[in-house]
Amino acid sequence: MSSLLTTLYRTGHFAAGPLLIFDRVKDVGLGEIAIITAPDGKERLGQVLELDGDRAVIQVFEGTAGLDLDRTLARFSGRGARIGVGLGMLGRIFDGSGNPIDGGPPLAPEALLDVNGMPINPYARAHPADFIQTGISAIDGLNTLVRGQKLPIFSGFGLPANELAAQIAAQAQVRDESGEFVVVFAALGITHREASFFRQSLEASGALAHAVLFLNLADDPAVERLLTPRAALTAAEYLAFEHDLHVLVILTDMTNYCEALREVATAREEVPGRRGYPGYMYTDLATLYERAGRIRGRVGSITQLIILTMPDDDITHPIPDLTGYITEGQIVLSRDLHRKGVYPPIDVLPSLSRLMNAGIGPEKTREDHRAVADQLYAFYARGRDLRRLVAIIGEGSLSQEDRRFLAFANRFEQEFIHQGRRERTIEETLERAWDLLSPFDPDELTRIPRTILQKRQRNNKTTSEIPT
């Protein structure tokens, strides 16, 4: 450690969970990094969470197990938590604190940055406006992800959210700018099996060369889980705003992050809020989610795809509830579709992308994108309503017209939402949508403007006249 760290404190008097309390400290700042020396001489890093006069509450990243208060020393670094960043991070795998764990050489950083980042001036923000192709029809066609957006995926226990995250990480690209697109992937509180899955998936697809992985495992200290997304976002900010890259940040699973936040709050004996989570959880999540965006005059951008597991599939649970307030829509995974073997099991009706209109249309996707999406929503919603009616009166009581919409809902799930691990371009997605709508008369396609229908008919007629 630095020779400047000369003041040693042996004034620890309380330990609980990941927290240590030292008395009679001087010239210590909130958020400052502390170096804790255990009785066996090994050092652990911590961070000052709270100051009360000359008393400092330190959050120890590796926990306090094995520390003897009478023989434990503390000294303070005079700086906050920092991480080394640079282009050399691409293709590398790090632990939750930003240390390489892939067996490669130590990172030669271009800069050391505070993990808390710098807030973006709201006036300097540019509105998200560019389409990101994920290769997933239910997202690209109906809930489009836009560059600079923050879009969460609400999952349930046992649903394939991690598989979907890995697939998007491998497939995502900014249209016509694929060479400038990278992924920063932060996995929080995952098992060793899940860590191997993410690593192998990205290596097999070749996406790892253009990605940075941060892996916080389930048996790593819970406190490190609070540092991991901040380290990942700091790396993303440097790549985006210093090297003009388009960065997609995937955070999974933010439920594990919130559980770690509750654990630390309980150790600090704070007054709990909803379901035991700290009252400041909304603010804490906002400090992470609001680090997405674009800045006027800068080429690079940060887009966030946030994955969280809803306890008991409850979308009103504090974690998805607060996340929904901060972010710009949501993608909801369906347990019913998963039971039917549909992958990805995205329930498009409660899903929403509030910035979709900014990223689609002529010169971005296609002129017919919005209208076709609206028509699919309308027909699928009607088919879903008829399913509930069938459960009461039986399918035999339906009219012939109603059966057509019921059949459409089944085809929509099996042919549009379900695509397995195969990637689809936006053109393939929209053509598949038109194929689903083809059995209906033009007069029934009330959500599609007449001009688009006429242009579609002319194009089809021209194509059919070309000799094979």
Protein backbone atom coordinates (compact mmCIF):
# COMPACT_ATOMS: atom_id res chain seq x y z
CA MET A 1 0.00 0.00 0.00
CA SER A 2 0.98 3.63 -0.35
CA SER A 3 3.41 5.10 2.14
CA LEU A 4 0.97 8.00 2.55
CA LEU A 5 -1.36 5.73 4.50
CA THR A 6 0.42 6.36 7.80
CA THR A 7 -2.41 6.80 10.33
CA LEU A 8 -3.37 3.43 11.78
CA TYR A 9 -6.44 2.99 13.94
CA ARG A 10 -6.92 0.21 16.46
CA THR A 11 -10.17 1.66 17.76
CA GLY A 12 -12.68 -0.84 16.34
CA HIS A 13 -15.41 -1.59 18.84
CA PHE A 14 -18.28 -3.21 16.93
CA ALA A 15 -18.75 -5.65 14.01
CA ALA A 16 -21.97 -6.90 12.45
CA GLY A 17 -22.26 -8.68 9.12
CA PRO A 18 -20.16 -6.68 6.65
CA LEU A 19 -19.88 -3.61 8.94
CA LEU A 20 -17.07 -2.44 11.19
CA ILE A 21 -17.27 0.63 13.44
CA PHE A 22 -14.14 2.55 14.39
CA ASP A 23 -13.99 5.40 16.90
CA ARG A 24 -11.73 8.47 17.17
CA VAL A 25 -11.00 8.75 13.43
CA LYS A 26 -9.90 12.07 11.89
CA ASP A 27 -10.02 13.61 8.40
CA VAL A 28 -12.07 10.79 6.90
CA GLY A 29 -14.58 11.37 4.10
CA LEU A 30 -17.87 9.67 3.27
CA GLY A 31 -17.34 6.98 0.62
CA GLU A 32 -13.61 6.82 1.29
CA ILE A 33 -11.85 3.48 0.81
CA ALA A 34 -10.49 1.88 4.00
CA ILE A 35 -7.81 -0.80 4.24
CA ILE A 36 -8.54 -3.27 7.03
CA THR A 37 -5.61 -5.38 8.29
CA ALA A 38 -6.71 -8.63 9.95
CA PRO A 39 -4.75 -10.20 12.84
CA ASP A 40 -3.10 -12.63 10.38
CA GLY A 41 -1.74 -9.69 8.36
CA LYS A 42 -4.10 -10.08 5.38
CA GLU A 43 -5.74 -6.96 4.10
CA ARG A 44 -9.37 -6.38 3.16
CA LEU A 45 -10.88 -3.38 1.44
CA GLY A 46 -13.86 -1.48 2.79
CA GLN A 47 -15.72 1.76 2.25
CA VAL A 48 -16.90 4.40 4.69
CA LEU A 49 -20.70 4.27 4.70
CA GLU A 50 -21.48 6.67 7.53
CA LEU A 51 -19.77 9.28 9.68
CA ASP A 52 -21.02 10.42 13.08
CA GLY A 53 -18.59 12.83 14.66
CA ASP A 54 -15.34 10.90 15.05
CA ARG A 55 -17.03 7.54 14.46
CA ALA A 56 -16.84 5.80 11.06
CA VAL A 57 -19.01 2.92 9.86
CA ILE A 58 -17.00 0.84 7.36
CA GLN A 59 -18.53 -1.61 4.91
CA VAL A 60 -15.97 -4.43 4.46
CA PHE A 61 -16.17 -5.94 0.98
CA GLU A 62 -15.05 -9.42 2.11
CA GLY A 63 -17.07 -9.39 5.32
CA THR A 64 -15.90 -9.29 8.93
CA ALA A 65 -15.60 -13.02 9.59
CA GLY A 66 -12.38 -13.86 11.43
CA LEU A 67 -11.64 -10.31 12.56
CA ASP A 68 -10.59 -9.77 16.18
CA LEU A 69 -11.54 -6.21 17.08
CA ASP A 70 -8.68 -5.83 19.55
CA ARG A 71 -6.08 -6.68 16.90
CA THR A 72 -7.69 -5.36 13.71
CA LEU A 73 -6.18 -2.22 12.18
CA ALA A 74 -7.73 0.30 9.82
CA ARG A 75 -6.26 3.05 7.69
CA PHE A 76 -7.91 5.29 5.13
CA SER A 77 -6.83 5.95 1.56
CA GLY A 78 -8.15 9.48 1.12
CA ARG A 79 -10.10 8.50 -2.03
CA GLY A 80 -13.29 6.74 -3.06
CA ALA A 81 -13.60 3.37 -4.78
CA ARG A 82 -11.89 3.45 -8.19
CA ILE A 83 -11.45 1.09 -11.10
CA GLY A 84 -8.87 0.97 -13.87
CA VAL A 85 -10.46 1.33 -17.32
CA GLY A 86 -9.33 1.24 -20.93
CA LEU A 87 -9.79 -0.45 -24.29
CA GLY A 88 -7.76 -3.36 -22.94
CA MET A 89 -10.86 -4.42 -20.99
CA LEU A 90 -12.51 -5.73 -24.15
CA GLY A 91 -12.44 -9.50 -24.25
CA ARG A 92 -11.58 -9.73 -20.53
CA ILE A 93 -13.44 -11.16 -17.53
CA PHE A 94 -13.33 -9.43 -14.12
CA ASP A 95 -14.68 -10.12 -10.66
CA GLY A 96 -17.22 -7.81 -9.06
CA SER A 97 -14.52 -5.39 -7.92
CA GLY A 98 -12.84 -5.09 -11.32
CA ASN A 99 -9.93 -7.54 -10.83
CA PRO A 100 -9.13 -9.84 -13.80
CA ILE A 101 -10.15 -13.48 -13.21
CA ASP A 102 -9.62 -14.90 -16.71
CA GLY A 103 -6.02 -15.92 -16.20
CA GLY A 104 -4.75 -13.09 -18.39
CA PRO A 105 -2.22 -10.40 -17.46
CA PRO A 106 -3.13 -7.51 -15.17
CA LEU A 107 -4.97 -4.71 -16.92
CA ALA A 108 -2.83 -1.74 -17.98
CA PRO A 109 -5.41 0.98 -17.32
CA GLU A 110 -5.66 4.16 -19.34
CA ALA A 111 -7.35 5.89 -16.38
CA LEU A 112 -8.45 5.31 -12.79
CA LEU A 113 -12.04 6.45 -12.29
CA ASP A 114 -14.40 6.74 -9.35
CA VAL A 115 -16.98 3.95 -9.61
CA ASN A 116 -19.79 6.35 -8.71
CA GLY A 117 -19.30 8.16 -12.01
CA MET A 118 -20.30 11.70 -12.85
CA PRO A 119 -23.96 12.66 -13.21
CA ILE A 120 -25.00 13.67 -16.72
CA ASN A 121 -26.25 17.23 -16.95
CA PRO A 122 -29.92 16.88 -18.01
CA TYR A 123 -29.49 19.77 -20.44
CA ALA A 124 -26.62 17.95 -22.15
CA ARG A 125 -28.64 14.76 -22.70
CA ALA A 126 -29.62 13.89 -26.26
CA HIS A 127 -32.91 12.08 -26.81
CA PRO A 128 -32.52 8.36 -27.65
CA ALA A 129 -33.30 7.91 -31.35
CA ASP A 130 -31.49 4.95 -32.96
CA PHE A 131 -32.72 1.38 -33.32
CA ILE A 132 -30.76 -1.45 -31.67
CA GLN A 133 -31.40 -4.83 -33.27
CA THR A 134 -31.43 -7.59 -30.64
CA GLY A 135 -32.42 -10.37 -33.07
CA ILE A 136 -35.51 -11.10 -30.92
CA SER A 137 -38.78 -10.52 -32.83
CA ALA A 138 -40.90 -9.80 -29.73
CA ILE A 139 -38.46 -7.02 -28.79
CA ASP A 140 -37.41 -5.64 -32.18
CA GLY A 141 -40.88 -5.74 -33.68
CA LEU A 142 -43.12 -4.81 -30.75
CA ASN A 143 -40.99 -3.37 -27.90
CA THR A 144 -38.05 -1.86 -29.71
CA LEU A 145 -34.82 -1.12 -27.83
CA VAL A 146 -33.42 2.33 -28.66
CA ARG A 147 -29.82 3.51 -28.27
CA GLY A 148 -29.52 5.37 -24.96
CA GLN A 149 -32.60 3.73 -23.43
CA LYS A 150 -32.88 1.83 -20.16
CA LEU A 151 -35.24 -1.14 -20.56
CA PRO A 152 -35.79 -3.80 -17.86
CA ILE A 153 -36.76 -7.43 -18.36
CA PHE A 154 -39.11 -8.67 -15.61
CA SER A 155 -38.65 -12.40 -15.12
CA GLY A 156 -39.72 -15.05 -12.63
CA PHE A 157 -37.79 -17.83 -10.90
CA GLY A 158 -37.12 -20.65 -13.34
CA LEU A 159 -37.76 -18.58 -16.47
CA PRO A 160 -34.94 -18.35 -19.05
CA ALA A 161 -33.94 -14.73 -18.38
CA ASN A 162 -30.22 -15.58 -18.30
CA GLU A 163 -30.44 -17.43 -21.61
CA LEU A 164 -32.20 -14.43 -23.14
CA ALA A 165 -29.57 -12.06 -21.71
CA ALA A 166 -26.72 -14.14 -23.18
CA GLN A 167 -28.48 -14.32 -26.56
CA ILE A 168 -29.01 -10.57 -26.71
CA ALA A 169 -25.39 -9.97 -25.67
CA ALA A 170 -24.24 -12.14 -28.58
CA GLN A 171 -26.64 -10.74 -31.20
CA ALA A 172 -27.24 -7.06 -30.40
CA GLN A 173 -25.99 -4.47 -32.86
CA VAL A 174 -26.61 -0.88 -33.84
CA ARG A 175 -27.80 -0.93 -37.43
CA ASP A 176 -25.06 0.03 -39.93
CA GLU A 177 -22.62 0.68 -37.05
CA SER A 178 -21.88 -2.85 -35.84
CA GLY A 179 -18.12 -2.21 -35.75
CA GLU A 180 -18.54 0.38 -33.01
CA PHE A 181 -20.81 -1.67 -30.75
CA VAL A 182 -19.67 -3.42 -27.54
CA VAL A 183 -21.34 -5.10 -24.59
CA VAL A 184 -20.58 -4.67 -20.89
CA PHE A 185 -22.14 -7.61 -19.04
CA ALA A 186 -22.46 -7.55 -15.24
CA ALA A 187 -23.79 -10.68 -13.51
CA LEU A 188 -24.71 -10.24 -9.83
CA GLY A 189 -24.97 -13.05 -7.29
CA ILE A 190 -24.91 -15.85 -9.86
CA THR A 191 -23.89 -19.49 -9.36
CA HIS A 192 -20.69 -21.01 -10.75
CA ARG A 193 -22.80 -22.91 -13.29
CA GLU A 194 -24.40 -19.68 -14.50
CA ALA A 195 -21.00 -17.98 -14.70
CA SER A 196 -19.70 -20.83 -16.88
CA PHE A 197 -22.83 -20.58 -19.05
CA PHE A 198 -22.35 -16.85 -19.71
CA ARG A 199 -18.66 -17.28 -20.42
CA GLN A 200 -19.11 -20.23 -22.76
CA SER A 201 -22.08 -18.63 -24.57
CA LEU A 202 -20.17 -15.47 -25.39
CA GLU A 203 -17.02 -17.37 -26.35
CA ALA A 204 -18.95 -19.72 -28.64
CA SER A 205 -20.67 -16.84 -30.44
CA GLY A 206 -17.47 -14.82 -30.78
CA ALA A 207 -19.08 -11.94 -28.90
CA LEU A 208 -16.57 -12.08 -26.03
CA ALA A 209 -13.97 -10.26 -28.13
CA HIS A 210 -16.25 -7.20 -28.11
CA ALA A 211 -17.49 -7.58 -24.53
CA VAL A 212 -16.42 -6.93 -20.95
CA LEU A 213 -17.67 -9.35 -18.27
CA PHE A 214 -18.02 -8.59 -14.56
CA LEU A 215 -18.94 -11.70 -12.55
CA ASN A 216 -20.04 -11.50 -8.94
CA LEU A 217 -20.70 -15.05 -7.74
CA ALA A 218 -23.24 -16.14 -5.16
CA ASP A 219 -20.48 -17.12 -2.72
CA ASP A 220 -18.67 -13.80 -3.14
CA PRO A 221 -19.25 -11.18 -0.44
CA ALA A 222 -22.72 -9.66 -0.71
CA VAL A 223 -21.20 -6.23 -0.23
CA GLU A 224 -19.21 -6.65 -3.45
CA ARG A 225 -22.57 -6.97 -5.20
CA LEU A 226 -23.19 -3.29 -4.50
CA LEU A 227 -19.92 -2.39 -6.20
CA THR A 228 -20.28 -4.59 -9.32
CA PRO A 229 -22.87 -2.61 -11.33
CA ARG A 230 -21.05 0.63 -10.54
CA ALA A 231 -17.75 -0.81 -11.76
CA ALA A 232 -19.44 -2.06 -14.94
CA LEU A 233 -21.12 1.28 -15.62
CA THR A 234 -17.86 3.15 -15.02
CA ALA A 235 -16.17 0.99 -17.64
CA ALA A 236 -19.11 1.58 -19.99
CA GLU A 237 -18.94 5.37 -19.53
CA TYR A 238 -15.25 5.42 -20.38
CA LEU A 239 -15.71 3.28 -23.50
CA ALA A 240 -18.71 5.33 -24.63
CA PHE A 241 -17.63 8.88 -23.96
CA GLU A 242 -13.84 8.62 -24.32
CA HIS A 243 -13.64 6.09 -27.17
CA ASP A 244 -16.94 6.89 -28.95
CA LEU A 245 -18.32 3.36 -28.70
CA HIS A 246 -21.97 2.35 -28.51
CA VAL A 247 -22.20 0.32 -25.30
CA LEU A 248 -25.00 -2.03 -24.27
CA VAL A 249 -24.86 -2.67 -20.52
CA ILE A 250 -26.66 -5.83 -19.37
CA LEU A 251 -27.23 -6.08 -15.61
CA THR A 252 -28.51 -9.41 -14.25
CA ASP A 253 -29.95 -10.05 -11.71
CA MET A 254 -30.82 -6.75 -10.01
CA THR A 255 -32.96 -8.62 -7.46
CA ASN A 256 -29.71 -10.00 -6.00
CA TYR A 257 -28.38 -6.45 -5.84
CA CYS A 258 -31.44 -5.27 -3.92
CA GLU A 259 -31.18 -8.21 -1.52
CA ALA A 260 -27.58 -7.20 -0.78
CA LEU A 261 -28.75 -3.63 -0.24
CA ARG A 262 -31.33 -4.87 2.28
CA GLU A 263 -28.71 -7.01 4.04
CA VAL A 264 -26.40 -4.04 4.56
CA ALA A 265 -29.29 -1.82 5.68
CA THR A 266 -30.31 -4.44 8.24
CA ALA A 267 -26.75 -4.66 9.56
CA ARG A 268 -26.79 -0.87 9.96
CA GLU A 269 -30.07 -1.19 11.93
CA GLU A 270 -31.84 1.22 9.61
CA VAL A 271 -35.59 1.68 9.74
CA PRO A 272 -36.93 -0.62 7.00
CA GLY A 273 -39.29 0.43 4.23
CA ARG A 274 -41.55 -1.76 2.09
CA ARG A 275 -40.95 -5.49 2.72
CA GLY A 276 -37.80 -4.70 4.68
CA TYR A 277 -35.98 -2.91 1.86
CA PRO A 278 -34.37 0.43 2.78
CA GLY A 279 -36.43 3.52 2.12
CA TYR A 280 -33.70 4.93 -0.13
CA MET A 281 -33.75 1.96 -2.54
CA TYR A 282 -35.51 4.07 -5.21
CA THR A 283 -32.72 6.67 -5.04
CA ASP A 284 -30.03 4.00 -5.03
CA LEU A 285 -31.45 2.29 -8.13
CA ALA A 286 -31.83 5.65 -9.86
CA THR A 287 -28.10 6.35 -9.39
CA LEU A 288 -27.47 3.23 -11.52
CA TYR A 289 -30.22 3.42 -14.12
CA GLU A 290 -29.76 7.10 -14.85
CA ARG A 291 -26.19 6.47 -16.01
CA ALA A 292 -27.63 5.37 -19.35
CA GLY A 293 -28.07 7.84 -22.17
CA ARG A 294 -26.51 9.94 -24.90
CA ILE A 295 -24.72 13.27 -24.59
CA ARG A 296 -24.97 16.05 -27.15
CA GLY A 297 -21.77 16.36 -29.16
CA ARG A 298 -20.59 12.86 -28.23
CA VAL A 299 -20.71 9.93 -30.62
CA GLY A 300 -20.87 7.19 -28.00
CA SER A 301 -23.86 6.09 -25.97
CA ILE A 302 -24.87 3.81 -23.09
CA THR A 303 -27.96 1.61 -23.33
CA GLN A 304 -29.08 -0.49 -20.37
CA LEU A 305 -30.90 -3.81 -20.43
CA ILE A 306 -31.77 -4.61 -16.82
CA ILE A 307 -32.88 -8.11 -15.82
CA LEU A 308 -34.60 -8.75 -12.51
CA THR A 309 -36.50 -11.65 -11.00
CA MET A 310 -39.90 -10.81 -9.54
CA PRO A 311 -40.42 -12.66 -6.22
CA ASP A 312 -43.60 -14.77 -6.52
CA ASP A 313 -44.05 -13.36 -10.06
CA ASP A 314 -45.40 -10.23 -8.37
CA ILE A 315 -44.97 -7.21 -10.64
CA THR A 316 -46.07 -4.94 -7.75
CA HIS A 317 -43.11 -6.10 -5.61
CA PRO A 318 -40.90 -3.12 -4.63
CA ILE A 319 -38.02 -4.11 -6.93
CA PRO A 320 -39.94 -4.23 -10.26
CA ASP A 321 -42.28 -1.50 -9.06
CA LEU A 322 -39.51 1.03 -8.38
CA THR A 323 -37.57 -0.07 -11.46
CA GLY A 324 -40.61 0.60 -13.61
CA TYR A 325 -40.84 4.17 -12.31
CA ILE A 326 -37.23 4.94 -13.28
CA THR A 327 -36.88 3.10 -16.58
CA GLU A 328 -38.54 3.56 -19.97
CA GLY A 329 -40.79 0.53 -20.25
CA GLN A 330 -40.48 -3.17 -19.46
CA ILE A 331 -40.26 -6.59 -21.11
CA VAL A 332 -42.28 -9.19 -19.17
CA LEU A 333 -41.56 -12.93 -19.36
CA SER A 334 -44.56 -15.27 -19.15
CA ARG A 335 -44.63 -18.50 -17.18
CA ASP A 336 -47.63 -19.68 -19.25
CA LEU A 337 -45.70 -19.27 -22.53
CA HIS A 338 -42.70 -21.00 -20.99
CA ARG A 339 -44.87 -24.03 -20.13
CA LYS A 340 -45.98 -24.15 -23.78
CA GLY A 341 -42.36 -24.39 -24.90
CA VAL A 342 -42.29 -20.88 -26.38
CA TYR A 343 -38.84 -19.27 -26.36
CA PRO A 344 -38.29 -16.51 -25.58
CA PRO A 345 -41.47 -16.49 -23.46
CA ILE A 346 -42.12 -12.75 -23.80
CA ASP A 347 -45.65 -11.65 -22.95
CA VAL A 348 -46.06 -8.74 -25.35
CA LEU A 349 -49.32 -7.36 -23.92
CA PRO A 350 -47.97 -6.06 -20.57
CA SER A 351 -44.61 -5.28 -22.19
CA LEU A 352 -43.83 -1.77 -23.34
CA SER A 353 -41.02 0.34 -24.78
CA ARG A 354 -41.81 4.01 -24.20
CA LEU A 355 -39.11 5.12 -26.65
CA MET A 356 -40.04 2.73 -29.45
CA ASN A 357 -41.45 5.44 -31.73
CA ALA A 358 -38.13 7.33 -31.56
CA GLY A 359 -36.19 4.38 -32.95
CA ILE A 360 -38.39 3.04 -35.74
CA GLY A 361 -39.75 4.21 -39.07
CA PRO A 362 -38.23 5.20 -42.42
CA GLU A 363 -34.40 5.16 -42.54
CA LYS A 364 -34.32 3.39 -39.14
CA THR A 365 -36.34 0.20 -39.54
CA ARG A 366 -39.20 0.39 -42.05
CA GLU A 367 -42.11 2.67 -42.86
CA ASP A 368 -44.68 0.01 -41.95
CA HIS A 369 -43.14 -0.90 -38.57
CA ARG A 370 -45.43 1.05 -36.23
CA ALA A 371 -48.64 0.19 -38.07
CA VAL A 372 -47.86 -3.52 -38.30
CA ALA A 373 -46.98 -3.64 -34.59
CA ASP A 374 -50.27 -1.95 -33.67
CA GLN A 375 -52.23 -4.43 -35.79
CA LEU A 376 -50.49 -7.42 -34.22
CA TYR A 377 -51.24 -6.07 -30.75
CA ALA A 378 -54.93 -5.54 -31.59
CA PHE A 379 -55.48 -9.02 -33.05
CA TYR A 380 -53.48 -10.80 -30.35
CA ALA A 381 -55.32 -8.97 -27.55
CA ARG A 382 -58.65 -10.01 -29.10
CA GLY A 383 -57.47 -13.62 -29.35
CA ARG A 384 -56.35 -13.63 -25.72
CA ASP A 385 -59.76 -12.31 -24.62
CA LEU A 386 -61.44 -15.11 -26.55
CA ARG A 387 -59.28 -17.69 -24.76
CA ARG A 388 -60.75 -16.57 -21.46
CA LEU A 389 -64.23 -16.80 -22.95
CA VAL A 390 -63.54 -20.34 -24.23
CA ALA A 391 -62.64 -21.40 -20.69
CA ILE A 392 -66.19 -20.49 -19.69
CA ILE A 393 -68.44 -21.40 -22.64
CA GLY A 394 -66.25 -23.72 -24.72
CA GLU A 395 -64.85 -23.24 -28.20
CA GLY A 396 -67.95 -24.74 -29.84
CA SER A 397 -69.94 -21.67 -28.87
CA LEU A 398 -67.66 -19.28 -30.77
CA SER A 399 -68.54 -17.79 -34.13
CA GLN A 400 -66.45 -18.53 -37.19
CA GLU A 401 -64.94 -15.03 -36.99
CA ASP A 402 -64.00 -15.51 -33.34
CA ARG A 403 -62.27 -18.76 -34.18
CA ARG A 404 -60.11 -16.94 -36.73
CA PHE A 405 -58.80 -14.60 -34.03
CA LEU A 406 -58.30 -17.49 -31.64
CA ALA A 407 -56.26 -19.26 -34.31
CA PHE A 408 -54.30 -16.04 -34.91
CA ALA A 409 -53.31 -15.86 -31.21
CA ASN A 410 -52.00 -19.43 -31.35
CA ARG A 411 -50.07 -18.82 -34.59
CA PHE A 412 -48.69 -15.53 -33.23
CA GLU A 413 -47.20 -17.27 -30.18
CA GLN A 414 -45.80 -20.23 -32.12
CA GLU A 415 -44.55 -18.43 -35.24
CA PHE A 416 -43.73 -14.88 -34.14
CA ILE A 417 -42.83 -14.92 -30.44
CA HIS A 418 -41.31 -18.40 -30.54
CA GLN A 419 -38.06 -18.44 -32.47
CA GLY A 420 -35.74 -20.60 -30.39
CA ARG A 421 -32.08 -19.54 -30.42
CA ARG A 422 -32.27 -18.39 -34.03
CA GLU A 423 -31.54 -14.72 -34.73
CA ARG A 424 -33.94 -12.68 -36.88
CA THR A 425 -33.28 -9.39 -38.60
CA ILE A 426 -35.91 -6.66 -38.38
CA GLU A 427 -36.82 -7.36 -42.03
CA GLU A 428 -37.44 -11.03 -41.23
CA THR A 429 -39.51 -10.02 -38.21
CA LEU A 430 -41.75 -7.65 -40.17
CA GLU A 431 -42.18 -10.10 -43.05
CA ARG A 432 -43.24 -12.77 -40.57
CA ALA A 433 -45.76 -10.30 -39.16
CA TRP A 434 -47.22 -9.66 -42.63
CA ASP A 435 -47.46 -13.42 -43.16
CA LEU A 436 -49.54 -13.71 -39.98
CA LEU A 437 -51.82 -10.90 -41.16
CA SER A 438 -52.23 -12.25 -44.72
CA PRO A 439 -55.37 -14.36 -44.02
CA PHE A 440 -57.30 -11.19 -43.12
CA ASP A 441 -58.98 -8.90 -45.66
CA PRO A 442 -57.45 -5.43 -46.07
CA ASP A 443 -60.64 -3.90 -44.63
CA GLU A 444 -60.00 -5.77 -41.37
CA LEU A 445 -56.50 -4.32 -40.98
CA THR A 446 -57.83 -1.12 -39.44
CA ARG A 447 -54.58 -0.17 -37.70
CA ILE A 448 -52.59 -0.03 -40.95
CA PRO A 449 -52.97 3.10 -43.13
CA ARG A 450 -54.47 2.57 -46.58
CA THR A 451 -51.35 3.96 -48.26
CA ILE A 452 -49.16 1.29 -46.66
CA LEU A 453 -51.60 -1.48 -47.64
CA GLN A 454 -51.70 -0.26 -51.24
CA LYS A 455 -47.91 -0.06 -51.43
CA ARG A 456 -47.67 -3.58 -49.98
CA GLN A 457 -50.14 -4.89 -52.57
CA ARG A 458 -48.23 -3.25 -55.43
CA ASN A 459 -44.93 -4.71 -54.22
CA ASN A 460 -46.44 -8.19 -53.91
CA LYS A 461 -47.96 -7.95 -57.37
CA THR A 462 -44.64 -6.85 -58.88
CA THR A 463 -42.83 -9.68 -57.14
CA SER A 464 -45.34 -12.27 -58.33
CA GLU A 465 -44.87 -11.13 -61.94
CA ILE A 466 -41.11 -11.71 -61.90
CA PRO A 467 -40.45 -15.01 -63.74
CA THR A 468 -38.75 -17.71 -61.69
